[in-house]
N, C-alpha and C. Protein backbone atom coordinates (compact mmCIF):
# COMPACT_ATOMS: atom_id res chain seq x y z
N MET A 1 22.78 2.89 -106.73
CA MET A 1 22.22 2.31 -105.45
C MET A 1 22.51 3.26 -104.22
N GLN A 2 21.43 3.72 -103.64
CA GLN A 2 21.56 4.67 -102.44
C GLN A 2 22.42 4.06 -101.31
N LYS A 3 22.95 4.79 -100.64
CA LYS A 3 23.60 4.64 -99.28
C LYS A 3 22.75 4.46 -98.19
N SER A 4 22.82 3.62 -97.18
CA SER A 4 22.12 3.36 -96.15
C SER A 4 21.93 4.76 -95.27
N ILE A 5 20.91 5.02 -94.84
CA ILE A 5 20.86 6.14 -93.66
C ILE A 5 20.89 5.66 -92.14
N ILE A 6 21.98 6.17 -91.66
CA ILE A 6 22.10 5.76 -90.28
C ILE A 6 21.58 6.62 -89.10
N ILE A 7 20.79 6.06 -88.30
CA ILE A 7 19.97 6.66 -87.38
C ILE A 7 20.66 6.36 -85.99
N GLY A 8 21.01 7.44 -85.15
CA GLY A 8 21.69 6.95 -83.96
C GLY A 8 20.70 7.31 -82.73
N ILE A 9 20.57 6.47 -81.80
CA ILE A 9 19.67 6.86 -80.54
C ILE A 9 20.46 6.59 -79.59
N ALA A 10 20.82 7.69 -78.65
CA ALA A 10 21.53 7.64 -77.48
C ALA A 10 20.67 8.00 -76.10
N GLY A 11 21.35 7.83 -74.97
CA GLY A 11 20.29 8.16 -73.94
C GLY A 11 20.97 7.43 -72.64
N GLY A 12 20.48 7.72 -71.52
CA GLY A 12 20.79 6.95 -70.23
C GLY A 12 20.57 5.42 -70.29
N SER A 13 21.08 4.86 -69.32
CA SER A 13 20.80 3.45 -69.01
C SER A 13 19.20 3.19 -68.88
N ALA A 14 18.49 2.41 -69.65
CA ALA A 14 17.14 2.20 -69.23
C ALA A 14 16.25 3.20 -69.69
N SER A 15 16.64 4.28 -70.52
CA SER A 15 16.02 5.44 -70.76
C SER A 15 14.66 5.12 -71.79
N GLY A 16 14.94 3.82 -72.73
CA GLY A 16 13.79 3.71 -73.65
C GLY A 16 14.49 3.73 -75.11
N LYS A 17 15.65 3.85 -75.15
CA LYS A 17 16.63 3.60 -76.54
C LYS A 17 15.92 2.37 -77.22
N THR A 18 16.08 1.39 -76.58
CA THR A 18 15.86 0.12 -77.22
C THR A 18 14.32 -0.05 -77.66
N SER A 19 13.46 0.53 -76.81
CA SER A 19 11.94 0.36 -77.32
C SER A 19 11.77 1.39 -78.32
N LEU A 20 12.51 2.31 -78.32
CA LEU A 20 12.24 3.40 -79.64
C LEU A 20 12.58 2.61 -80.86
N ALA A 21 13.82 1.89 -80.88
CA ALA A 21 14.33 1.35 -81.96
C ALA A 21 13.38 0.21 -82.54
N LYS A 22 12.81 -0.37 -81.48
CA LYS A 22 12.03 -1.59 -81.98
C LYS A 22 10.86 -1.31 -82.53
N ARG A 23 10.31 -0.17 -81.88
CA ARG A 23 9.09 0.43 -82.67
C ARG A 23 9.27 0.92 -83.96
N LEU A 24 10.43 1.47 -84.33
CA LEU A 24 10.82 1.91 -85.65
C LEU A 24 11.09 0.76 -86.45
N LYS A 25 11.43 -0.24 -85.99
CA LYS A 25 11.78 -1.73 -86.95
C LYS A 25 10.49 -2.26 -87.08
N LYS A 26 9.51 -2.23 -86.03
CA LYS A 26 8.35 -2.99 -86.28
C LYS A 26 7.32 -2.36 -87.30
N ALA A 27 7.50 -0.72 -87.30
CA ALA A 27 6.73 -0.22 -88.26
C ALA A 27 7.09 -0.62 -89.70
N PHE A 28 8.29 -1.13 -89.98
CA PHE A 28 8.63 -1.60 -91.36
C PHE A 28 8.96 -2.98 -91.65
N GLU A 29 8.35 -3.75 -90.48
CA GLU A 29 8.76 -5.23 -90.47
C GLU A 29 8.29 -5.98 -91.89
N GLU A 30 7.40 -5.55 -92.63
CA GLU A 30 6.84 -6.15 -93.69
C GLU A 30 7.84 -6.06 -94.97
N THR A 31 8.60 -4.90 -94.87
CA THR A 31 9.45 -4.67 -96.01
C THR A 31 11.00 -4.85 -95.51
N ASN A 32 11.30 -5.31 -94.44
CA ASN A 32 12.63 -5.50 -93.80
C ASN A 32 13.63 -4.35 -94.24
N SER A 33 13.11 -3.22 -94.16
CA SER A 33 13.84 -1.83 -94.59
C SER A 33 14.70 -1.32 -93.35
N VAL A 34 14.34 -1.78 -92.06
CA VAL A 34 14.96 -1.24 -90.96
C VAL A 34 15.90 -2.48 -90.34
N ILE A 35 17.05 -2.03 -89.75
CA ILE A 35 17.76 -3.07 -88.91
C ILE A 35 18.43 -2.51 -87.68
N ILE A 36 18.37 -3.07 -86.54
CA ILE A 36 18.78 -2.33 -85.52
C ILE A 36 20.30 -2.97 -85.13
N ILE A 37 21.17 -2.22 -84.73
CA ILE A 37 22.51 -2.51 -84.05
C ILE A 37 22.51 -2.03 -82.72
N ARG A 38 22.94 -2.97 -81.81
CA ARG A 38 23.06 -2.38 -80.36
C ARG A 38 24.52 -2.10 -80.02
N GLN A 39 24.74 -1.21 -79.44
CA GLN A 39 26.13 -0.73 -78.94
C GLN A 39 26.63 -1.75 -77.81
N ASP A 40 25.47 -2.40 -77.20
CA ASP A 40 26.00 -3.34 -76.13
C ASP A 40 26.63 -4.61 -76.80
N ASP A 41 26.41 -4.89 -77.76
CA ASP A 41 27.13 -6.15 -78.44
C ASP A 41 28.48 -6.01 -78.66
N TYR A 42 28.72 -4.67 -78.64
CA TYR A 42 30.31 -4.20 -78.99
C TYR A 42 30.85 -3.95 -77.61
N TYR A 43 30.50 -4.63 -76.37
CA TYR A 43 31.44 -4.71 -75.24
C TYR A 43 32.62 -5.24 -75.66
N LYS A 44 33.69 -4.91 -75.10
CA LYS A 44 35.01 -5.49 -75.45
C LYS A 44 35.18 -7.24 -74.96
N ASP A 45 35.77 -7.93 -75.53
CA ASP A 45 35.88 -9.19 -75.38
C ASP A 45 36.96 -9.61 -74.28
N GLN A 46 36.32 -10.00 -73.14
CA GLN A 46 37.13 -10.46 -71.86
C GLN A 46 37.32 -11.60 -71.48
N SER A 47 37.42 -12.69 -72.64
CA SER A 47 37.42 -13.93 -72.25
C SER A 47 38.73 -14.63 -71.70
N ASN A 48 39.77 -13.72 -71.84
CA ASN A 48 41.21 -13.90 -71.27
C ASN A 48 41.17 -13.38 -69.90
N MET A 49 39.98 -12.95 -69.24
CA MET A 49 39.91 -12.55 -67.68
C MET A 49 39.13 -13.48 -66.90
N ARG A 50 39.68 -13.68 -65.76
CA ARG A 50 38.88 -14.37 -64.77
C ARG A 50 37.60 -13.61 -64.44
N MET A 51 36.80 -14.21 -63.92
CA MET A 51 35.33 -13.81 -63.71
C MET A 51 35.64 -12.65 -62.61
N GLU A 52 36.26 -12.78 -61.61
CA GLU A 52 36.63 -11.76 -60.59
C GLU A 52 36.92 -10.50 -61.25
N ALA A 53 38.00 -10.63 -61.98
CA ALA A 53 38.52 -9.54 -62.92
C ALA A 53 37.21 -8.58 -63.59
N ARG A 54 36.53 -9.56 -64.41
CA ARG A 54 35.33 -9.17 -65.02
C ARG A 54 34.46 -8.31 -64.26
N LEU A 55 34.25 -8.82 -63.00
CA LEU A 55 33.20 -7.95 -62.19
C LEU A 55 33.88 -6.55 -61.78
N GLN A 56 35.16 -6.36 -61.99
CA GLN A 56 35.40 -5.19 -61.47
C GLN A 56 35.58 -4.06 -62.71
N VAL A 57 35.31 -4.45 -63.91
CA VAL A 57 35.30 -3.66 -64.92
C VAL A 57 34.00 -2.65 -64.78
N ASN A 58 34.29 -1.31 -65.27
CA ASN A 58 33.47 -0.29 -65.14
C ASN A 58 32.62 -0.22 -66.54
N TYR A 59 31.46 -1.15 -66.67
CA TYR A 59 30.83 -1.17 -67.82
C TYR A 59 30.20 0.03 -68.34
N ASP A 60 29.95 1.05 -67.44
CA ASP A 60 29.44 2.28 -67.90
C ASP A 60 30.45 3.41 -68.37
N HIS A 61 31.51 2.95 -68.72
CA HIS A 61 32.58 4.03 -69.30
C HIS A 61 32.74 3.70 -70.79
N PRO A 62 32.84 4.61 -71.46
CA PRO A 62 33.22 4.64 -72.99
C PRO A 62 34.12 3.58 -73.30
N LEU A 63 35.06 3.21 -72.54
CA LEU A 63 36.31 2.53 -72.71
C LEU A 63 35.99 1.07 -72.70
N ALA A 64 34.76 0.82 -72.09
CA ALA A 64 34.19 -0.69 -72.01
C ALA A 64 33.96 -1.17 -73.33
N PHE A 65 33.71 -0.34 -74.35
CA PHE A 65 33.07 -0.63 -75.74
C PHE A 65 34.43 -0.49 -76.78
N ASP A 66 34.24 -1.41 -77.73
CA ASP A 66 34.84 -1.35 -78.86
C ASP A 66 34.45 -0.50 -79.90
N ASN A 67 34.48 0.68 -79.54
CA ASN A 67 33.65 1.72 -80.50
C ASN A 67 34.28 1.98 -81.95
N ASP A 68 35.50 1.57 -82.10
CA ASP A 68 36.26 1.55 -83.20
C ASP A 68 35.46 0.36 -84.26
N LEU A 69 35.44 -0.62 -83.70
CA LEU A 69 34.88 -1.69 -84.58
C LEU A 69 33.43 -1.31 -84.97
N LEU A 70 32.62 -0.77 -84.08
CA LEU A 70 31.23 -0.36 -84.32
C LEU A 70 31.46 0.88 -85.49
N ALA A 71 32.11 1.59 -85.42
CA ALA A 71 32.17 2.71 -86.34
C ALA A 71 32.53 2.08 -87.78
N GLN A 72 33.46 1.11 -87.73
CA GLN A 72 33.90 0.40 -88.93
C GLN A 72 32.81 -0.36 -89.50
N HIS A 73 31.98 -1.21 -88.65
CA HIS A 73 30.88 -1.92 -89.42
C HIS A 73 29.76 -0.84 -89.81
N LEU A 74 29.49 0.26 -89.11
CA LEU A 74 28.68 1.18 -89.71
C LEU A 74 29.09 1.61 -91.13
N GLN A 75 30.19 1.97 -91.47
CA GLN A 75 30.84 2.40 -92.57
C GLN A 75 30.77 1.18 -93.86
N SER A 76 31.11 0.23 -93.42
CA SER A 76 30.87 -0.90 -94.31
C SER A 76 29.49 -1.25 -94.55
N LEU A 77 28.42 -1.19 -93.77
CA LEU A 77 27.24 -1.19 -94.15
C LEU A 77 26.82 -0.21 -95.00
N ARG A 78 27.13 0.98 -94.60
CA ARG A 78 26.65 2.15 -95.42
C ARG A 78 27.31 1.87 -96.88
N ASP A 79 28.37 1.23 -97.03
CA ASP A 79 29.05 1.16 -98.37
C ASP A 79 28.59 -0.18 -99.00
N GLY A 80 27.43 -0.78 -98.49
CA GLY A 80 26.84 -2.04 -99.22
C GLY A 80 27.37 -3.29 -98.88
N GLN A 81 28.21 -3.37 -97.83
CA GLN A 81 28.99 -4.59 -97.40
C GLN A 81 28.25 -5.23 -96.21
N HIS A 82 28.16 -6.54 -96.13
CA HIS A 82 27.64 -7.24 -94.78
C HIS A 82 28.72 -7.31 -93.87
N VAL A 83 28.41 -7.42 -92.59
CA VAL A 83 29.42 -7.38 -91.44
C VAL A 83 29.03 -8.55 -90.60
N SER A 84 30.12 -9.16 -89.77
CA SER A 84 29.71 -9.90 -88.79
C SER A 84 29.66 -9.54 -87.52
N LYS A 85 28.51 -9.15 -86.76
CA LYS A 85 28.61 -8.38 -85.74
C LYS A 85 28.70 -9.20 -84.42
N PRO A 86 29.46 -8.84 -83.50
CA PRO A 86 29.54 -9.69 -82.15
C PRO A 86 28.38 -9.73 -81.49
N THR A 87 28.26 -10.63 -80.60
CA THR A 87 27.23 -10.72 -79.40
C THR A 87 27.64 -10.72 -78.28
N TYR A 88 27.12 -10.40 -77.34
CA TYR A 88 27.46 -10.24 -75.88
C TYR A 88 26.70 -10.95 -74.86
N ASP A 89 27.32 -11.81 -73.97
CA ASP A 89 26.55 -12.48 -73.13
C ASP A 89 26.89 -11.77 -71.63
N PHE A 90 25.70 -11.37 -71.16
CA PHE A 90 25.79 -10.55 -70.06
C PHE A 90 25.81 -11.25 -68.88
N ILE A 91 25.57 -12.64 -68.78
CA ILE A 91 25.67 -13.34 -67.58
C ILE A 91 27.24 -13.64 -67.45
N GLU A 92 28.03 -13.89 -68.42
CA GLU A 92 29.29 -14.29 -68.06
C GLU A 92 30.38 -12.93 -68.42
N TYR A 93 29.73 -11.74 -68.53
CA TYR A 93 30.45 -10.72 -68.78
C TYR A 93 31.51 -10.63 -69.84
N THR A 94 31.32 -11.18 -70.88
CA THR A 94 32.24 -11.28 -72.03
C THR A 94 31.24 -11.51 -73.34
N ARG A 95 32.04 -11.42 -74.36
CA ARG A 95 31.59 -11.55 -75.88
C ARG A 95 31.02 -13.09 -76.15
N ALA A 96 30.09 -13.38 -76.43
CA ALA A 96 29.60 -14.68 -76.66
C ALA A 96 30.32 -15.30 -77.98
N GLN A 97 30.44 -16.52 -78.14
CA GLN A 97 31.28 -16.99 -79.32
C GLN A 97 30.43 -16.86 -80.55
N SER A 98 29.05 -16.85 -80.65
CA SER A 98 28.43 -16.60 -81.77
C SER A 98 28.51 -15.28 -82.29
N VAL A 99 28.32 -14.89 -83.77
CA VAL A 99 28.44 -13.73 -84.25
C VAL A 99 27.07 -13.67 -85.20
N GLU A 100 26.38 -12.47 -85.55
CA GLU A 100 25.31 -12.20 -86.40
C GLU A 100 25.87 -11.56 -87.44
N LEU A 101 25.43 -12.08 -88.83
CA LEU A 101 25.59 -11.66 -89.87
C LEU A 101 24.45 -10.70 -90.35
N ILE A 102 25.03 -9.56 -90.51
CA ILE A 102 24.25 -8.32 -90.81
C ILE A 102 24.48 -7.74 -92.18
N GLN A 103 23.16 -7.76 -92.98
CA GLN A 103 23.26 -7.29 -94.23
C GLN A 103 22.87 -5.86 -94.31
N PRO A 104 23.56 -5.04 -95.50
CA PRO A 104 23.11 -3.73 -95.62
C PRO A 104 21.58 -3.54 -95.80
N CYS A 105 21.01 -2.33 -95.45
CA CYS A 105 19.70 -2.11 -95.22
C CYS A 105 19.34 -0.71 -95.52
N ASP A 106 18.19 -0.22 -95.89
CA ASP A 106 17.75 1.15 -96.20
C ASP A 106 18.11 2.04 -95.07
N VAL A 107 17.76 1.55 -93.95
CA VAL A 107 17.83 2.28 -92.60
C VAL A 107 18.40 1.40 -91.49
N ILE A 108 19.48 2.02 -91.06
CA ILE A 108 20.26 1.44 -89.90
C ILE A 108 20.03 2.03 -88.72
N VAL A 109 19.53 1.54 -87.53
CA VAL A 109 19.36 2.28 -86.22
C VAL A 109 20.18 1.69 -85.41
N VAL A 110 21.12 2.39 -84.85
CA VAL A 110 22.22 2.18 -83.86
C VAL A 110 21.69 2.83 -82.70
N GLU A 111 21.72 1.95 -81.45
CA GLU A 111 21.41 2.47 -80.26
C GLU A 111 22.37 2.06 -79.00
N GLY A 112 22.66 3.08 -78.19
CA GLY A 112 23.50 2.69 -77.24
C GLY A 112 23.70 3.97 -76.31
N LEU A 113 24.42 3.71 -75.21
CA LEU A 113 24.62 4.80 -74.33
C LEU A 113 25.69 6.02 -74.79
N PHE A 114 26.69 5.47 -75.71
CA PHE A 114 27.61 6.45 -76.09
C PHE A 114 27.72 6.65 -77.61
N VAL A 115 26.50 6.47 -78.12
CA VAL A 115 26.30 6.67 -79.73
C VAL A 115 26.56 7.96 -80.12
N LEU A 116 26.38 9.07 -79.13
CA LEU A 116 26.56 10.45 -79.39
C LEU A 116 27.92 10.99 -78.90
N GLU A 117 28.35 10.21 -77.79
CA GLU A 117 29.60 10.70 -77.18
C GLU A 117 30.86 10.11 -77.78
N ASP A 118 30.77 9.34 -78.42
CA ASP A 118 31.79 8.88 -79.45
C ASP A 118 32.05 9.53 -80.70
N GLU A 119 32.97 10.04 -81.08
CA GLU A 119 33.14 11.00 -82.21
C GLU A 119 33.23 10.24 -83.51
N GLY A 120 33.87 8.98 -83.39
CA GLY A 120 33.90 8.13 -84.60
C GLY A 120 32.63 7.53 -85.10
N ILE A 121 31.57 7.14 -84.22
CA ILE A 121 30.36 6.70 -84.29
C ILE A 121 29.42 8.12 -84.66
N ARG A 122 29.81 8.91 -84.14
CA ARG A 122 28.69 10.04 -84.35
C ARG A 122 28.98 10.57 -85.71
N SER A 123 30.25 10.63 -86.34
CA SER A 123 30.41 10.93 -87.67
C SER A 123 29.52 10.19 -88.70
N LYS A 124 29.14 8.83 -88.29
CA LYS A 124 28.63 8.12 -89.31
C LYS A 124 27.06 8.31 -89.19
N LEU A 125 26.66 9.15 -88.31
CA LEU A 125 25.23 9.26 -88.27
C LEU A 125 24.50 10.27 -89.09
N ASP A 126 23.43 10.06 -89.75
CA ASP A 126 22.56 11.05 -90.65
C ASP A 126 21.48 11.55 -89.63
N ILE A 127 21.20 10.95 -88.70
CA ILE A 127 20.03 11.53 -87.72
C ILE A 127 20.52 11.18 -86.40
N LYS A 128 20.60 12.10 -85.38
CA LYS A 128 21.06 11.77 -84.12
C LYS A 128 19.94 12.34 -83.27
N LEU A 129 19.73 11.13 -82.36
CA LEU A 129 18.33 11.34 -81.40
C LEU A 129 18.95 10.99 -80.02
N PHE A 130 18.73 11.87 -78.98
CA PHE A 130 18.69 11.47 -77.66
C PHE A 130 17.47 11.34 -76.84
N VAL A 131 17.40 9.99 -76.20
CA VAL A 131 16.14 9.84 -75.39
C VAL A 131 16.38 10.51 -73.85
N ASP A 132 15.51 11.25 -73.59
CA ASP A 132 15.58 12.10 -72.03
C ASP A 132 14.73 11.62 -71.22
N THR A 133 15.03 10.73 -70.34
CA THR A 133 13.99 10.16 -69.29
C THR A 133 14.45 10.35 -68.07
N PRO A 134 13.59 10.79 -66.98
CA PRO A 134 14.01 11.05 -65.58
C PRO A 134 14.88 10.00 -65.14
N ALA A 135 15.84 10.42 -64.09
CA ALA A 135 16.74 9.26 -63.65
C ALA A 135 15.98 8.22 -62.57
N ASP A 136 15.04 8.42 -61.84
CA ASP A 136 14.07 7.64 -61.23
C ASP A 136 13.45 6.83 -62.10
N VAL A 137 13.01 7.00 -63.14
CA VAL A 137 12.38 6.14 -64.05
C VAL A 137 13.37 5.17 -64.60
N ARG A 138 14.49 5.67 -64.92
CA ARG A 138 15.59 4.99 -65.57
C ARG A 138 16.03 4.03 -64.64
N PHE A 139 16.31 4.35 -63.30
CA PHE A 139 16.76 3.23 -62.25
C PHE A 139 15.75 2.06 -62.08
N ILE A 140 14.65 2.50 -61.95
CA ILE A 140 13.64 1.55 -61.73
C ILE A 140 13.43 0.35 -62.94
N ARG A 141 13.47 0.94 -64.20
CA ARG A 141 13.55 0.22 -65.34
C ARG A 141 14.82 -0.77 -65.34
N ARG A 142 15.83 -0.10 -65.10
CA ARG A 142 17.16 -0.76 -65.01
C ARG A 142 17.16 -1.95 -64.13
N LEU A 143 16.70 -1.61 -62.83
CA LEU A 143 16.45 -2.58 -61.77
C LEU A 143 15.83 -3.99 -62.15
N THR A 144 14.55 -3.56 -62.83
CA THR A 144 13.67 -4.48 -63.12
C THR A 144 14.19 -5.40 -64.18
N ARG A 145 14.94 -4.61 -65.24
CA ARG A 145 15.56 -5.39 -66.42
C ARG A 145 16.69 -6.29 -66.04
N ASP A 146 17.72 -5.82 -65.20
CA ASP A 146 19.00 -6.50 -64.85
C ASP A 146 18.58 -7.94 -63.97
N VAL A 147 17.66 -7.76 -63.20
CA VAL A 147 17.27 -8.90 -62.07
C VAL A 147 16.40 -9.93 -63.16
N ARG A 148 15.62 -9.41 -63.82
CA ARG A 148 14.66 -10.36 -64.50
C ARG A 148 15.57 -10.96 -65.81
N ASP A 149 16.26 -10.11 -66.53
CA ASP A 149 17.02 -10.70 -67.83
C ASP A 149 18.42 -11.02 -67.72
N ARG A 150 19.05 -10.27 -66.83
CA ARG A 150 20.55 -10.41 -66.82
C ARG A 150 21.22 -11.20 -65.68
N GLY A 151 20.25 -11.75 -64.78
CA GLY A 151 20.75 -12.67 -63.64
C GLY A 151 21.70 -11.94 -62.53
N ARG A 152 21.22 -10.63 -62.33
CA ARG A 152 21.66 -9.65 -61.46
C ARG A 152 20.95 -9.76 -60.07
N THR A 153 21.71 -9.45 -58.81
CA THR A 153 20.95 -9.41 -57.71
C THR A 153 20.35 -7.86 -57.52
N LEU A 154 19.44 -7.65 -56.64
CA LEU A 154 19.12 -6.33 -56.26
C LEU A 154 20.31 -5.65 -55.59
N GLU A 155 21.02 -6.26 -54.87
CA GLU A 155 22.11 -5.50 -54.06
C GLU A 155 23.26 -5.15 -55.29
N ASN A 156 23.49 -6.07 -56.21
CA ASN A 156 24.44 -5.91 -57.49
C ASN A 156 24.06 -4.74 -58.28
N VAL A 157 22.55 -4.38 -58.50
CA VAL A 157 22.18 -3.59 -59.51
C VAL A 157 22.43 -2.16 -58.67
N VAL A 158 21.93 -2.15 -57.51
CA VAL A 158 21.98 -0.93 -56.75
C VAL A 158 23.57 -0.21 -56.48
N ALA A 159 24.38 -1.33 -56.17
CA ALA A 159 25.73 -0.85 -56.00
C ALA A 159 26.33 -0.42 -57.29
N GLN A 160 26.07 -1.00 -58.37
CA GLN A 160 26.81 -0.62 -59.54
C GLN A 160 26.09 0.79 -60.05
N TYR A 161 24.70 0.94 -59.87
CA TYR A 161 24.08 2.14 -60.04
C TYR A 161 25.06 3.33 -59.13
N MET A 162 24.99 3.16 -58.03
CA MET A 162 25.47 4.12 -57.03
C MET A 162 27.10 4.48 -57.50
N ASN A 163 27.82 3.33 -57.71
CA ASN A 163 29.24 3.30 -57.93
C ASN A 163 29.61 3.87 -59.35
N THR A 164 29.00 3.55 -60.30
CA THR A 164 29.40 4.00 -61.75
C THR A 164 28.23 4.62 -62.60
N VAL A 165 27.17 3.90 -62.54
CA VAL A 165 26.10 4.23 -63.41
C VAL A 165 25.73 5.72 -63.41
N ARG A 166 25.60 6.20 -62.43
CA ARG A 166 25.15 7.64 -61.88
C ARG A 166 26.15 8.55 -62.41
N SER A 167 27.42 8.28 -61.96
CA SER A 167 28.31 9.11 -62.16
C SER A 167 28.88 9.42 -63.79
N MET A 168 28.96 8.06 -64.52
CA MET A 168 29.21 7.97 -65.71
C MET A 168 28.10 8.78 -66.61
N HIS A 169 26.88 8.42 -66.19
CA HIS A 169 25.85 9.35 -67.06
C HIS A 169 26.13 10.86 -66.98
N ASP A 170 26.36 11.31 -65.78
CA ASP A 170 26.74 12.80 -65.60
C ASP A 170 27.83 13.21 -66.38
N GLN A 171 28.86 12.40 -66.54
CA GLN A 171 30.15 12.65 -66.99
C GLN A 171 30.02 12.71 -68.46
N PHE A 172 29.29 11.40 -68.99
CA PHE A 172 29.58 11.14 -70.29
C PHE A 172 28.23 11.27 -71.27
N ILE A 173 27.29 10.87 -70.79
CA ILE A 173 25.98 10.71 -71.40
C ILE A 173 25.32 11.82 -71.60
N GLU A 174 24.80 12.57 -70.27
CA GLU A 174 24.07 13.64 -70.35
C GLU A 174 24.77 14.89 -71.32
N PRO A 175 25.97 15.15 -71.20
CA PRO A 175 26.86 16.09 -72.16
C PRO A 175 26.52 15.86 -73.51
N SER A 176 26.30 14.56 -73.95
CA SER A 176 26.29 14.18 -75.36
C SER A 176 25.09 14.56 -76.04
N LYS A 177 24.03 14.86 -75.14
CA LYS A 177 22.87 15.46 -75.50
C LYS A 177 22.84 16.56 -76.75
N ARG A 178 24.08 17.39 -76.34
CA ARG A 178 24.20 18.74 -77.30
C ARG A 178 24.29 18.46 -78.69
N HIS A 179 24.68 17.24 -78.99
CA HIS A 179 25.01 16.75 -80.41
C HIS A 179 23.77 16.18 -81.09
N ALA A 180 22.66 16.09 -80.32
CA ALA A 180 21.39 15.49 -80.80
C ALA A 180 20.76 16.71 -81.88
N ASP A 181 20.09 15.94 -82.93
CA ASP A 181 19.41 16.73 -83.81
C ASP A 181 18.00 16.79 -83.20
N VAL A 182 17.36 15.78 -82.43
CA VAL A 182 16.25 15.86 -81.83
C VAL A 182 16.21 15.28 -80.38
N ILE A 183 15.65 15.79 -79.33
CA ILE A 183 15.51 15.20 -78.07
C ILE A 183 14.15 14.62 -77.74
N ILE A 184 14.23 13.28 -77.63
CA ILE A 184 12.76 12.67 -77.28
C ILE A 184 12.61 12.25 -75.76
N PRO A 185 11.50 12.79 -75.13
CA PRO A 185 11.27 12.23 -73.77
C PRO A 185 10.60 10.94 -73.94
N GLU A 186 11.13 9.91 -73.00
CA GLU A 186 10.64 8.75 -72.69
C GLU A 186 10.62 7.78 -73.77
N GLY A 187 11.34 8.08 -75.11
CA GLY A 187 11.69 7.03 -75.94
C GLY A 187 10.60 6.49 -76.52
N GLY A 188 10.24 5.00 -76.73
CA GLY A 188 9.42 4.46 -77.37
C GLY A 188 7.97 4.71 -76.90
N LYS A 189 7.68 5.23 -75.84
CA LYS A 189 6.52 5.58 -75.30
C LYS A 189 5.84 6.84 -75.95
N ASN A 190 6.76 7.70 -76.52
CA ASN A 190 6.70 8.98 -77.27
C ASN A 190 5.78 8.84 -78.55
N GLU A 191 4.57 8.69 -78.59
CA GLU A 191 3.82 8.43 -79.75
C GLU A 191 4.03 9.39 -80.94
N VAL A 192 4.02 10.77 -80.46
CA VAL A 192 4.35 11.66 -81.64
C VAL A 192 5.89 11.41 -82.18
N ALA A 193 6.73 11.50 -81.39
CA ALA A 193 8.04 11.16 -82.00
C ALA A 193 8.18 10.07 -82.85
N VAL A 194 7.53 8.72 -82.62
CA VAL A 194 7.53 7.67 -83.25
C VAL A 194 6.89 7.97 -84.45
N ASP A 195 5.73 8.52 -84.55
CA ASP A 195 4.86 8.94 -85.71
C ASP A 195 5.68 9.78 -86.72
N LEU A 196 6.56 10.69 -86.13
CA LEU A 196 7.24 11.79 -86.92
C LEU A 196 8.48 10.96 -87.42
N LEU A 197 9.24 9.92 -86.80
CA LEU A 197 10.25 9.40 -87.12
C LEU A 197 9.94 8.35 -88.31
N THR A 198 8.70 7.78 -88.17
CA THR A 198 8.19 6.69 -89.04
C THR A 198 8.03 7.24 -90.32
N THR A 199 7.53 8.44 -90.36
CA THR A 199 7.18 9.38 -91.66
C THR A 199 8.59 9.70 -92.28
N LYS A 200 9.49 10.05 -91.54
CA LYS A 200 10.83 10.27 -91.95
C LYS A 200 11.46 9.21 -92.80
N ILE A 201 11.45 8.00 -92.05
CA ILE A 201 11.94 6.68 -92.52
C ILE A 201 11.34 6.32 -93.97
N SER A 202 9.81 6.39 -93.90
CA SER A 202 9.19 6.13 -94.92
C SER A 202 9.64 6.97 -96.30
N SER A 203 9.89 8.23 -95.88
CA SER A 203 10.33 9.11 -97.24
C SER A 203 11.84 8.60 -97.70
N ILE A 204 12.51 8.28 -96.68
CA ILE A 204 14.00 7.59 -97.07
C ILE A 204 13.85 6.54 -97.92
N ILE A 205 12.92 5.47 -97.52
CA ILE A 205 13.00 4.19 -98.15
C ILE A 205 12.31 4.49 -99.53
N LYS A 206 11.36 5.39 -99.85
CA LYS A 206 10.80 5.76 -100.96
C LYS A 206 12.02 6.26 -101.76
N MET A 207 12.63 7.19 -101.46
CA MET A 207 13.75 8.01 -102.14
C MET A 207 14.60 6.87 -102.63
N ASN A 208 15.14 5.76 -101.86
CA ASN A 208 15.90 4.72 -102.20
C ASN A 208 15.38 3.69 -103.26
N MET A 209 13.80 3.84 -103.42
CA MET A 209 13.32 2.85 -104.43
C MET A 209 13.38 3.57 -105.73
N LEU A 210 13.52 4.93 -105.87
CA LEU A 210 13.42 5.59 -107.08
C LEU A 210 14.69 5.32 -108.03
């Protein structure tokens, strides 16, 4: 039995990581050969903290994530074992009580801010991608998403961006670009990149069938 191939997709907040991952999964939805794991679901549990304290946490710093657990889960999936993946409640700023059972798959796509920054996660990756999108585009996308989907106010999104998002991007995320095998402008909107990656994944799946 062939081991799973793990593809990591990193990049700044709202750069297009998720859209790229979804494009790749959709291309193989008939065979269920691709699964997506979001680093966001591995934010640390904060159920023991008051909401006031949760609001003070820097969610754009690598230490906000349980990256050790994510690396462990990736290794387990590669070894053919299922994992119980946590889920995250962005409105309550802590982990949800529900977990998601993830079964091993031919191709595992893991996407998140610090997928290439964290050495433990990076060591599990067979293909390392970085989505490179201009800062103004990322901010507009983040503002729209957080207000629409995560219950944030415009003032809250702007304050978080100015206080932590921009500085953490410059300190941790942008430098992680040097670890990438391929840099992809605009993420899922880059049709050439999607076609090339789809071809690569197809070859991996065919090899696993031999």
